[in-house]
Amino acid sequence: MKYLARTTDSRPLLGDDEGFVPLSSAAPDVASVREALPLAASGRLPDTDAAPADRIDRRHVQFGPPLERFGKLWGIGLNYAEHAGDLDEQRPDEPASFLKPTSAVTGPGGPIQLPPADQSDGVTAEAELAVLIGRECRNVAEDEVDDVVAGYLPIIDMTAEDVLQRNPRFLTRAKSFDSFLVVGPTIAVPDEPPRLEDVTVRTIVNETVAAENEVRNMLFPPREIVSFHSDVMTLQPGDLFSTGTPGAEPIEPGDRVRATVETIGDVDAPVVR
């Protein structure tokens, strides 16, 4: 597994399980993580061993968001049958997708900033596996999706549930408050197409597992989600798909939320108001 990342002062990094080096030391012609996304999608990301630089242990790296700016931010609702049942919602026949604004993004460590209580006093947090697009594409078949995906990362998605419950047409507003999408510190770039079916996603609040499930139990698996939406619009490097949560948990100021995605990574953030 390789990793792409950025420090809090915007230095792009390339890493593996042993640590990180400056991206430019391994790929002198690549100036940013965004420029590296097509290489990651095509399997041409250089090895960290090739860099004439000493690795830095990830424990000594202060990570910022892995991209300076993401593209389209897609979310998929009700994608685990068990979660849909918990909400007394009918299983959708097609991906129940929505878009979030880029202003909702905050980096690893957050914080998750709850809106004023008079706007919402019922926010939930949801761990999800996210898929990051690496190459511009349109009408991609499911068996070709791996050729356009740069990598994967854990995210924490938030919903103002009390806003949404007033009217389902308020979904965009309920999902769009600042800091309502915490992105993981690294983009995991597998050396070969991953077996995502075996991956477990966990929503953890204050060190207690609030919800967990395996990707195999999604109604619409990640590759199908990407293929489906590529028939709707052109996908571009930096577009992100949050593939759905195994379960949401109410959060309050003082809580700490963590999303754990097996083999991909984790991200956590404190909750403040």
C-alpha atoms as a PDB file:
ATOM      1  CA  MET A   1       0.000   0.000   0.000  1.00  0.00           C
ATOM      2  CA  LYS A   2       1.192   3.502  -0.849  1.00  0.00           C
ATOM      3  CA  TYR A   3      -0.139   6.727   0.640  1.00  0.00           C
ATOM      4  CA  LEU A   4      -0.508  10.299  -0.593  1.00  0.00           C
ATOM      5  CA  ALA A   5      -0.801  13.080   1.971  1.00  0.00           C
ATOM      6  CA  ARG A   6      -0.149  16.738   2.748  1.00  0.00           C
ATOM      7  CA  THR A   7       1.236  18.333   5.875  1.00  0.00           C
ATOM      8  CA  THR A   8      -0.545  21.133   7.688  1.00  0.00           C
ATOM      9  CA  ASP A   9       1.803  23.551   5.886  1.00  0.00           C
ATOM     10  CA  SER A  10       0.821  22.058   2.504  1.00  0.00           C
ATOM     11  CA  ARG A  11       3.913  19.952   1.720  1.00  0.00           C
ATOM     12  CA  PRO A  12       2.925  16.942  -0.437  1.00  0.00           C
ATOM     13  CA  LEU A  13       4.090  13.542   0.780  1.00  0.00           C
ATOM     14  CA  LEU A  14       4.408  10.007  -0.557  1.00  0.00           C
ATOM     15  CA  GLY A  15       4.450   7.172   1.926  1.00  0.00           C
ATOM     16  CA  ASP A  16       4.221   3.493   2.683  1.00  0.00           C
ATOM     17  CA  ASP A  17       3.899   1.494   5.884  1.00  0.00           C
ATOM     18  CA  GLU A  18       7.458   2.495   6.841  1.00  0.00           C
ATOM     19  CA  GLY A  19       6.970   6.252   6.655  1.00  0.00           C
ATOM     20  CA  PHE A  20       6.801   9.284   4.344  1.00  0.00           C
ATOM     21  CA  VAL A  21       9.106  11.218   2.030  1.00  0.00           C
ATOM     22  CA  PRO A  22       8.556  14.480   0.131  1.00  0.00           C
ATOM     23  CA  LEU A  23       6.545  13.653  -2.982  1.00  0.00           C
ATOM     24  CA  SER A  24       8.939  15.685  -5.127  1.00  0.00           C
ATOM     25  CA  SER A  25      11.876  13.519  -4.053  1.00  0.00           C
ATOM     26  CA  ALA A  26      10.225  10.432  -5.564  1.00  0.00           C
ATOM     27  CA  ALA A  27       8.494  12.195  -8.472  1.00  0.00           C
ATOM     28  CA  PRO A  28      10.388  15.430  -9.317  1.00  0.00           C
ATOM     29  CA  ASP A  29       7.890  16.393 -12.031  1.00  0.00           C
ATOM     30  CA  VAL A  30       4.886  16.177  -9.666  1.00  0.00           C
ATOM     31  CA  ALA A  31       4.269  19.370  -7.723  1.00  0.00           C
ATOM     32  CA  SER A  32       1.153  18.421  -5.739  1.00  0.00           C
ATOM     33  CA  VAL A  33      -0.978  15.542  -4.551  1.00  0.00           C
ATOM     34  CA  ARG A  34      -3.615  16.519  -7.105  1.00  0.00           C
ATOM     35  CA  GLU A  35      -1.067  16.101  -9.906  1.00  0.00           C
ATOM     36  CA  ALA A  36      -0.258  12.644  -8.519  1.00  0.00           C
ATOM     37  CA  LEU A  37      -3.859  11.384  -8.683  1.00  0.00           C
ATOM     38  CA  PRO A  38      -3.702  10.226 -12.338  1.00  0.00           C
ATOM     39  CA  LEU A  39      -0.478   8.354 -11.560  1.00  0.00           C
ATOM     40  CA  ALA A  40      -2.166   6.665  -8.624  1.00  0.00           C
ATOM     41  CA  ALA A  41      -5.170   5.672 -10.766  1.00  0.00           C
ATOM     42  CA  SER A  42      -2.967   4.184 -13.483  1.00  0.00           C
ATOM     43  CA  GLY A  43      -0.667   2.300 -11.099  1.00  0.00           C
ATOM     44  CA  ARG A  44       2.335   4.495 -11.960  1.00  0.00           C
ATOM     45  CA  LEU A  45       2.907   6.086  -8.558  1.00  0.00           C
ATOM     46  CA  PRO A  46       6.638   5.707  -7.779  1.00  0.00           C
ATOM     47  CA  ASP A  47       7.888   3.627  -4.892  1.00  0.00           C
ATOM     48  CA  THR A  48       8.983   5.399  -1.753  1.00  0.00           C
ATOM     49  CA  ASP A  49      12.207   3.365  -1.888  1.00  0.00           C
ATOM     50  CA  ALA A  50      13.179   5.246  -5.054  1.00  0.00           C
ATOM     51  CA  ALA A  51      13.278   8.598  -3.251  1.00  0.00           C
ATOM     52  CA  PRO A  52      16.726   9.940  -2.238  1.00  0.00           C
ATOM     53  CA  ALA A  53      15.339  10.977   1.132  1.00  0.00           C
ATOM     54  CA  ASP A  54      14.999   9.455   4.574  1.00  0.00           C
ATOM     55  CA  ARG A  55      11.526   8.351   5.602  1.00  0.00           C
ATOM     56  CA  ILE A  56       9.716  10.279   8.312  1.00  0.00           C
ATOM     57  CA  ASP A  57       7.675   8.151  10.705  1.00  0.00           C
ATOM     58  CA  ARG A  58       3.987   8.987  10.349  1.00  0.00           C
ATOM     59  CA  ARG A  59       3.839   9.647  14.097  1.00  0.00           C
ATOM     60  CA  HIS A  60       6.037  12.678  13.478  1.00  0.00           C
ATOM     61  CA  VAL A  61       3.976  14.097  10.618  1.00  0.00           C
ATOM     62  CA  GLN A  62       1.290  16.730  11.156  1.00  0.00           C
ATOM     63  CA  PHE A  63      -1.259  15.891   8.473  1.00  0.00           C
ATOM     64  CA  GLY A  64      -3.591  18.367   6.820  1.00  0.00           C
ATOM     65  CA  PRO A  65      -6.305  17.520   4.274  1.00  0.00           C
ATOM     66  CA  PRO A  66      -4.719  15.336   1.561  1.00  0.00           C
ATOM     67  CA  LEU A  67      -5.953  17.715  -1.166  1.00  0.00           C
ATOM     68  CA  GLU A  68      -5.908  21.491  -1.055  1.00  0.00           C
ATOM     69  CA  ARG A  69      -9.378  21.427  -2.590  1.00  0.00           C
ATOM     70  CA  PHE A  70     -11.621  18.496  -3.445  1.00  0.00           C
ATOM     71  CA  GLY A  71     -13.946  18.375  -6.429  1.00  0.00           C
ATOM     72  CA  LYS A  72     -17.532  17.146  -6.323  1.00  0.00           C
ATOM     73  CA  LEU A  73     -18.426  15.633  -2.942  1.00  0.00           C
ATOM     74  CA  TRP A  74     -20.978  12.861  -3.365  1.00  0.00           C
ATOM     75  CA  GLY A  75     -22.679  11.182  -0.421  1.00  0.00           C
ATOM     76  CA  ILE A  76     -24.702   7.967  -0.575  1.00  0.00           C
ATOM     77  CA  GLY A  77     -27.573   7.554   1.859  1.00  0.00           C
ATOM     78  CA  LEU A  78     -29.141   4.338   3.182  1.00  0.00           C
ATOM     79  CA  ASN A  79     -26.474   2.163   1.564  1.00  0.00           C
ATOM     80  CA  TYR A  80     -26.358  -0.492   4.280  1.00  0.00           C
ATOM     81  CA  ALA A  81     -29.604  -2.468   4.441  1.00  0.00           C
ATOM     82  CA  GLU A  82     -29.315  -2.746   8.221  1.00  0.00           C
ATOM     83  CA  HIS A  83     -28.944   1.022   8.650  1.00  0.00           C
ATOM     84  CA  ALA A  84     -31.940   1.691   6.398  1.00  0.00           C
ATOM     85  CA  GLY A  85     -33.973  -0.701   8.534  1.00  0.00           C
ATOM     86  CA  ASP A  86     -32.910   1.095  11.705  1.00  0.00           C
ATOM     87  CA  LEU A  87     -34.295   4.316  10.217  1.00  0.00           C
ATOM     88  CA  ASP A  88     -37.515   2.610   9.057  1.00  0.00           C
ATOM     89  CA  GLU A  89     -36.607   3.628   5.518  1.00  0.00           C
ATOM     90  CA  GLN A  90     -37.439   1.619   2.406  1.00  0.00           C
ATOM     91  CA  ARG A  91     -34.415   0.220   0.591  1.00  0.00           C
ATOM     92  CA  PRO A  92     -33.685   2.397  -2.448  1.00  0.00           C
ATOM     93  CA  ASP A  93     -33.624   0.747  -5.877  1.00  0.00           C
ATOM     94  CA  GLU A  94     -30.844   3.088  -7.030  1.00  0.00           C
ATOM     95  CA  PRO A  95     -28.087   4.901  -5.115  1.00  0.00           C
ATOM     96  CA  ALA A  96     -29.674   7.601  -2.930  1.00  0.00           C
ATOM     97  CA  SER A  97     -27.057  10.241  -3.631  1.00  0.00           C
ATOM     98  CA  PHE A  98     -26.621  13.871  -2.654  1.00  0.00           C
ATOM     99  CA  LEU A  99     -23.921  16.537  -2.970  1.00  0.00           C
ATOM    100  CA  LYS A 100     -22.102  18.465  -0.250  1.00  0.00           C
ATOM    101  CA  PRO A 101     -20.267  21.777  -0.723  1.00  0.00           C
ATOM    102  CA  THR A 102     -16.468  21.900  -0.527  1.00  0.00           C
ATOM    103  CA  SER A 103     -16.850  24.395   2.336  1.00  0.00           C
ATOM    104  CA  ALA A 104     -18.047  21.475   4.493  1.00  0.00           C
ATOM    105  CA  VAL A 105     -14.589  19.865   4.365  1.00  0.00           C
ATOM    106  CA  THR A 106     -12.235  20.005   7.324  1.00  0.00           C
ATOM    107  CA  GLY A 107      -8.979  18.146   7.775  1.00  0.00           C
ATOM    108  CA  PRO A 108      -7.999  15.362  10.158  1.00  0.00           C
ATOM    109  CA  GLY A 109      -8.398  16.484  13.731  1.00  0.00           C
ATOM    110  CA  GLY A 110     -11.274  18.772  12.806  1.00  0.00           C
ATOM    111  CA  PRO A 111     -12.725  20.077  14.941  1.00  0.00           C
ATOM    112  CA  ILE A 112     -16.334  19.228  14.150  1.00  0.00           C
ATOM    113  CA  GLN A 113     -18.060  22.562  14.713  1.00  0.00           C
ATOM    114  CA  LEU A 114     -21.706  22.106  15.632  1.00  0.00           C
ATOM    115  CA  PRO A 115     -24.030  24.848  14.379  1.00  0.00           C
ATOM    116  CA  PRO A 116     -25.786  27.141  16.857  1.00  0.00           C
ATOM    117  CA  ALA A 117     -28.419  25.227  18.788  1.00  0.00           C
ATOM    118  CA  ASP A 118     -31.199  27.378  17.349  1.00  0.00           C
ATOM    119  CA  GLN A 119     -30.221  26.099  13.876  1.00  0.00           C
ATOM    120  CA  SER A 120     -29.714  22.450  14.857  1.00  0.00           C
ATOM    121  CA  ASP A 121     -29.536  20.620  18.143  1.00  0.00           C
ATOM    122  CA  GLY A 122     -29.563  17.087  16.768  1.00  0.00           C
ATOM    123  CA  VAL A 123     -26.371  16.365  14.819  1.00  0.00           C
ATOM    124  CA  THR A 124     -25.178  12.826  14.127  1.00  0.00           C
ATOM    125  CA  ALA A 125     -21.765  11.544  13.024  1.00  0.00           C
ATOM    126  CA  GLU A 126     -21.237   8.745  10.528  1.00  0.00           C
ATOM    127  CA  ALA A 127     -18.061   6.857   9.575  1.00  0.00           C
ATOM    128  CA  GLU A 128     -17.684   6.031   5.892  1.00  0.00           C
ATOM    129  CA  LEU A 129     -15.309   4.631   3.296  1.00  0.00           C
ATOM    130  CA  ALA A 130     -14.592   7.259   0.633  1.00  0.00           C
ATOM    131  CA  VAL A 131     -13.479   6.678  -2.958  1.00  0.00           C
ATOM    132  CA  LEU A 132     -11.331   9.326  -4.662  1.00  0.00           C
ATOM    133  CA  ILE A 133     -11.361   9.732  -8.435  1.00  0.00           C
ATOM    134  CA  GLY A 134      -7.960  10.058 -10.117  1.00  0.00           C
ATOM    135  CA  ARG A 135      -8.716  10.400 -13.826  1.00  0.00           C
ATOM    136  CA  GLU A 136     -11.361  12.250 -15.811  1.00  0.00           C
ATOM    137  CA  CYS A 137     -13.915   9.741 -17.009  1.00  0.00           C
ATOM    138  CA  ARG A 138     -17.436   9.203 -18.307  1.00  0.00           C
ATOM    139  CA  ASN A 139     -19.595   6.069 -18.740  1.00  0.00           C
ATOM    140  CA  VAL A 140     -17.198   3.773 -16.880  1.00  0.00           C
ATOM    141  CA  ALA A 141     -18.123   0.094 -16.664  1.00  0.00           C
ATOM    142  CA  GLU A 142     -17.946  -1.478 -13.199  1.00  0.00           C
ATOM    143  CA  ASP A 143     -15.064  -3.738 -14.198  1.00  0.00           C
ATOM    144  CA  GLU A 144     -13.082  -0.667 -15.323  1.00  0.00           C
ATOM    145  CA  VAL A 145     -13.639   1.494 -12.226  1.00  0.00           C
ATOM    146  CA  ASP A 146     -10.295   0.545 -10.670  1.00  0.00           C
ATOM    147  CA  ASP A 147      -8.606   2.248 -13.651  1.00  0.00           C
ATOM    148  CA  VAL A 148     -10.043   5.657 -12.677  1.00  0.00           C
ATOM    149  CA  VAL A 149      -9.835   5.463  -8.866  1.00  0.00           C
ATOM    150  CA  ALA A 150      -6.780   7.094  -7.266  1.00  0.00           C
ATOM    151  CA  GLY A 151      -7.392   5.634  -3.813  1.00  0.00           C
ATOM    152  CA  TYR A 152      -9.474   5.449  -0.679  1.00  0.00           C
ATOM    153  CA  LEU A 153      -9.730   7.273   2.627  1.00  0.00           C
ATOM    154  CA  PRO A 154     -11.800   7.279   5.810  1.00  0.00           C
ATOM    155  CA  ILE A 155     -14.191  10.153   6.412  1.00  0.00           C
ATOM    156  CA  ILE A 156     -16.608  11.336   9.084  1.00  0.00           C
ATOM    157  CA  ASP A 157     -19.865  12.684   7.675  1.00  0.00           C
ATOM    158  CA  MET A 158     -22.307  14.731   9.725  1.00  0.00           C
ATOM    159  CA  THR A 159     -26.063  15.273   9.456  1.00  0.00           C
ATOM    160  CA  ALA A 160     -28.302  17.795  11.205  1.00  0.00           C
ATOM    161  CA  GLU A 161     -30.973  15.153  11.756  1.00  0.00           C
ATOM    162  CA  ASP A 162     -33.508  17.523  13.298  1.00  0.00           C
ATOM    163  CA  VAL A 163     -33.345  19.704  10.184  1.00  0.00           C
ATOM    164  CA  LEU A 164     -33.759  16.683   7.921  1.00  0.00           C
ATOM    165  CA  GLN A 165     -36.681  15.314   9.920  1.00  0.00           C
ATOM    166  CA  ARG A 166     -38.639  18.517   9.406  1.00  0.00           C
ATOM    167  CA  ASN A 167     -38.655  17.899   5.668  1.00  0.00           C
ATOM    168  CA  PRO A 168     -36.637  15.440   3.515  1.00  0.00           C
ATOM    169  CA  ARG A 169     -36.136  18.257   0.994  1.00  0.00           C
ATOM    170  CA  PHE A 170     -33.894  19.925   3.573  1.00  0.00           C
ATOM    171  CA  LEU A 171     -31.218  17.221   3.053  1.00  0.00           C
ATOM    172  CA  THR A 172     -28.697  19.525   1.377  1.00  0.00           C
ATOM    173  CA  ARG A 173     -28.868  22.052   4.224  1.00  0.00           C
ATOM    174  CA  ALA A 174     -28.738  19.291   6.841  1.00  0.00           C
ATOM    175  CA  LYS A 175     -25.489  18.014   5.306  1.00  0.00           C
ATOM    176  CA  SER A 176     -23.792  21.288   4.465  1.00  0.00           C
ATOM    177  CA  PHE A 177     -22.733  23.082   7.641  1.00  0.00           C
ATOM    178  CA  ASP A 178     -19.046  23.991   7.854  1.00  0.00           C
ATOM    179  CA  SER A 179     -16.863  21.086   9.107  1.00  0.00           C
ATOM    180  CA  PHE A 180     -19.573  18.488   8.324  1.00  0.00           C
ATOM    181  CA  LEU A 181     -17.078  16.338   6.374  1.00  0.00           C
ATOM    182  CA  VAL A 182     -13.855  15.349   8.130  1.00  0.00           C
ATOM    183  CA  VAL A 183     -11.436  13.775   5.640  1.00  0.00           C
ATOM    184  CA  GLY A 184      -8.777  11.279   6.587  1.00  0.00           C
ATOM    185  CA  PRO A 185      -5.099  12.204   6.728  1.00  0.00           C
ATOM    186  CA  THR A 186      -3.936   9.941   3.883  1.00  0.00           C
ATOM    187  CA  ILE A 187      -5.156   8.617   0.550  1.00  0.00           C
ATOM    188  CA  ALA A 188      -4.555   4.861   0.556  1.00  0.00           C
ATOM    189  CA  VAL A 189      -3.374   3.720  -2.889  1.00  0.00           C
ATOM    190  CA  PRO A 190      -3.475  -0.101  -3.119  1.00  0.00           C
ATOM    191  CA  ASP A 191      -0.784  -1.875  -5.123  1.00  0.00           C
ATOM    192  CA  GLU A 192      -3.510  -3.973  -6.757  1.00  0.00           C
ATOM    193  CA  PRO A 193      -7.327  -3.800  -6.892  1.00  0.00           C
ATOM    194  CA  PRO A 194      -8.492  -4.217  -3.287  1.00  0.00           C
ATOM    195  CA  ARG A 195     -11.043  -6.695  -1.944  1.00  0.00           C
ATOM    196  CA  LEU A 196     -13.290  -4.023  -0.522  1.00  0.00           C
ATOM    197  CA  GLU A 197     -15.967  -6.592   0.376  1.00  0.00           C
ATOM    198  CA  ASP A 198     -13.897  -7.682   3.366  1.00  0.00           C
ATOM    199  CA  VAL A 199     -13.427  -4.167   4.766  1.00  0.00           C
ATOM    200  CA  THR A 200     -15.198  -3.245   8.029  1.00  0.00           C
ATOM    201  CA  VAL A 201     -16.300   0.353   8.653  1.00  0.00           C
ATOM    202  CA  ARG A 202     -16.805   1.539  12.245  1.00  0.00           C
ATOM    203  CA  THR A 203     -18.371   4.659  13.742  1.00  0.00           C
ATOM    204  CA  ILE A 204     -16.729   5.234  17.140  1.00  0.00           C
ATOM    205  CA  VAL A 205     -17.760   7.922  19.631  1.00  0.00           C
ATOM    206  CA  ASN A 206     -15.802   8.385  22.864  1.00  0.00           C
ATOM    207  CA  GLU A 207     -14.013   5.057  22.259  1.00  0.00           C
ATOM    208  CA  THR A 208     -17.313   3.151  22.055  1.00  0.00           C
ATOM    209  CA  VAL A 209     -18.219   1.443  18.771  1.00  0.00           C
ATOM    210  CA  ALA A 210     -21.608   2.912  17.882  1.00  0.00           C
ATOM    211  CA  ALA A 211     -22.003   1.070  14.568  1.00  0.00           C
ATOM    212  CA  GLU A 212     -20.024  -1.267  12.329  1.00  0.00           C
ATOM    213  CA  ASN A 213     -20.582  -3.285   9.190  1.00  0.00           C
ATOM    214  CA  GLU A 214     -18.721  -4.826   6.270  1.00  0.00           C
ATOM    215  CA  VAL A 215     -18.670  -3.301   2.805  1.00  0.00           C
ATOM    216  CA  ARG A 216     -20.045  -6.591   1.455  1.00  0.00           C
ATOM    217  CA  ASN A 217     -23.380  -5.621   3.077  1.00  0.00           C
ATOM    218  CA  MET A 218     -23.766  -2.427   1.054  1.00  0.00           C
ATOM    219  CA  LEU A 219     -26.767  -2.283  -1.245  1.00  0.00           C
ATOM    220  CA  PHE A 220     -24.569  -0.590  -3.853  1.00  0.00           C
ATOM    221  CA  PRO A 221     -20.850  -1.404  -3.597  1.00  0.00           C
ATOM    222  CA  PRO A 222     -18.224   1.264  -4.285  1.00  0.00           C
ATOM    223  CA  ARG A 223     -17.444   0.257  -7.866  1.00  0.00           C
ATOM    224  CA  GLU A 224     -21.133   0.282  -8.772  1.00  0.00           C
ATOM    225  CA  ILE A 225     -21.533   3.728  -7.191  1.00  0.00           C
ATOM    226  CA  VAL A 226     -18.714   5.180  -9.307  1.00  0.00           C
ATOM    227  CA  SER A 227     -19.959   3.527 -12.493  1.00  0.00           C
ATOM    228  CA  PHE A 228     -23.559   4.661 -11.895  1.00  0.00           C
ATOM    229  CA  HIS A 229     -22.609   8.294 -11.378  1.00  0.00           C
ATOM    230  CA  SER A 230     -20.188   8.311 -14.313  1.00  0.00           C
ATOM    231  CA  ASP A 231     -23.248   7.710 -16.504  1.00  0.00           C
ATOM    232  CA  VAL A 232     -24.784  10.882 -15.054  1.00  0.00           C
ATOM    233  CA  MET A 233     -21.839  13.262 -15.367  1.00  0.00           C
ATOM    234  CA  THR A 234     -18.151  13.573 -16.117  1.00  0.00           C
ATOM    235  CA  LEU A 235     -16.052  12.612 -13.106  1.00  0.00           C
ATOM    236  CA  GLN A 236     -12.790  14.453 -12.525  1.00  0.00           C
ATOM    237  CA  PRO A 237      -9.648  14.025 -10.399  1.00  0.00           C
ATOM    238  CA  GLY A 238     -10.425  15.037  -6.843  1.00  0.00           C
ATOM    239  CA  ASP A 239     -14.102  14.040  -6.929  1.00  0.00           C
ATOM    240  CA  LEU A 240     -14.987  12.102  -3.778  1.00  0.00           C
ATOM    241  CA  PHE A 241     -17.675   9.495  -3.110  1.00  0.00           C
ATOM    242  CA  SER A 242     -18.630   8.830   0.524  1.00  0.00           C
ATOM    243  CA  THR A 243     -20.135   5.384   0.139  1.00  0.00           C
ATOM    244  CA  GLY A 244     -22.521   5.283   3.096  1.00  0.00           C
ATOM    245  CA  THR A 245     -22.415   4.606   6.809  1.00  0.00           C
ATOM    246  CA  PRO A 246     -23.141   1.493   8.861  1.00  0.00           C
ATOM    247  CA  GLY A 247     -24.823   3.755  11.405  1.00  0.00           C
ATOM    248  CA  ALA A 248     -25.074   7.294  12.741  1.00  0.00           C
ATOM    249  CA  GLU A 249     -24.552   8.386  16.338  1.00  0.00           C
ATOM    250  CA  PRO A 250     -25.753  11.610  18.026  1.00  0.00           C
ATOM    251  CA  ILE A 251     -22.880  13.855  19.063  1.00  0.00           C
ATOM    252  CA  GLU A 252     -22.533  16.669  21.582  1.00  0.00           C
ATOM    253  CA  PRO A 253     -19.828  19.213  22.443  1.00  0.00           C
ATOM    254  CA  GLY A 254     -16.978  17.455  24.235  1.00  0.00           C
ATOM    255  CA  ASP A 255     -17.377  14.178  22.328  1.00  0.00           C
ATOM    256  CA  ARG A 256     -14.637  12.683  20.185  1.00  0.00           C
ATOM    257  CA  VAL A 257     -15.550  10.882  16.980  1.00  0.00           C
ATOM    258  CA  ARG A 258     -13.458   8.388  15.034  1.00  0.00           C
ATOM    259  CA  ALA A 259     -14.031   6.678  11.698  1.00  0.00           C
ATOM    260  CA  THR A 260     -12.107   3.454  11.220  1.00  0.00           C
ATOM    261  CA  VAL A 261     -11.926   1.752   7.827  1.00  0.00           C
ATOM    262  CA  GLU A 262      -9.956  -1.493   7.940  1.00  0.00           C
ATOM    263  CA  THR A 263      -6.825  -1.579   5.728  1.00  0.00           C
ATOM    264  CA  ILE A 264      -7.515   2.036   4.634  1.00  0.00           C
ATOM    265  CA  GLY A 265      -7.013   4.119   7.770  1.00  0.00           C
ATOM    266  CA  ASP A 266      -8.824   6.136  10.395  1.00  0.00           C
ATOM    267  CA  VAL A 267      -9.594   9.740  11.231  1.00  0.00           C
ATOM    268  CA  ASP A 268     -10.829  11.394  14.408  1.00  0.00           C
ATOM    269  CA  ALA A 269     -11.953  14.808  15.555  1.00  0.00           C
ATOM    270  CA  PRO A 270     -13.311  16.494  18.686  1.00  0.00           C
ATOM    271  CA  VAL A 271     -16.787  18.016  18.745  1.00  0.00           C
ATOM    272  CA  VAL A 272     -17.196  21.668  19.718  1.00  0.00           C
ATOM    273  CA  ARG A 273     -19.876  24.316  19.485  1.00  0.00           C
END
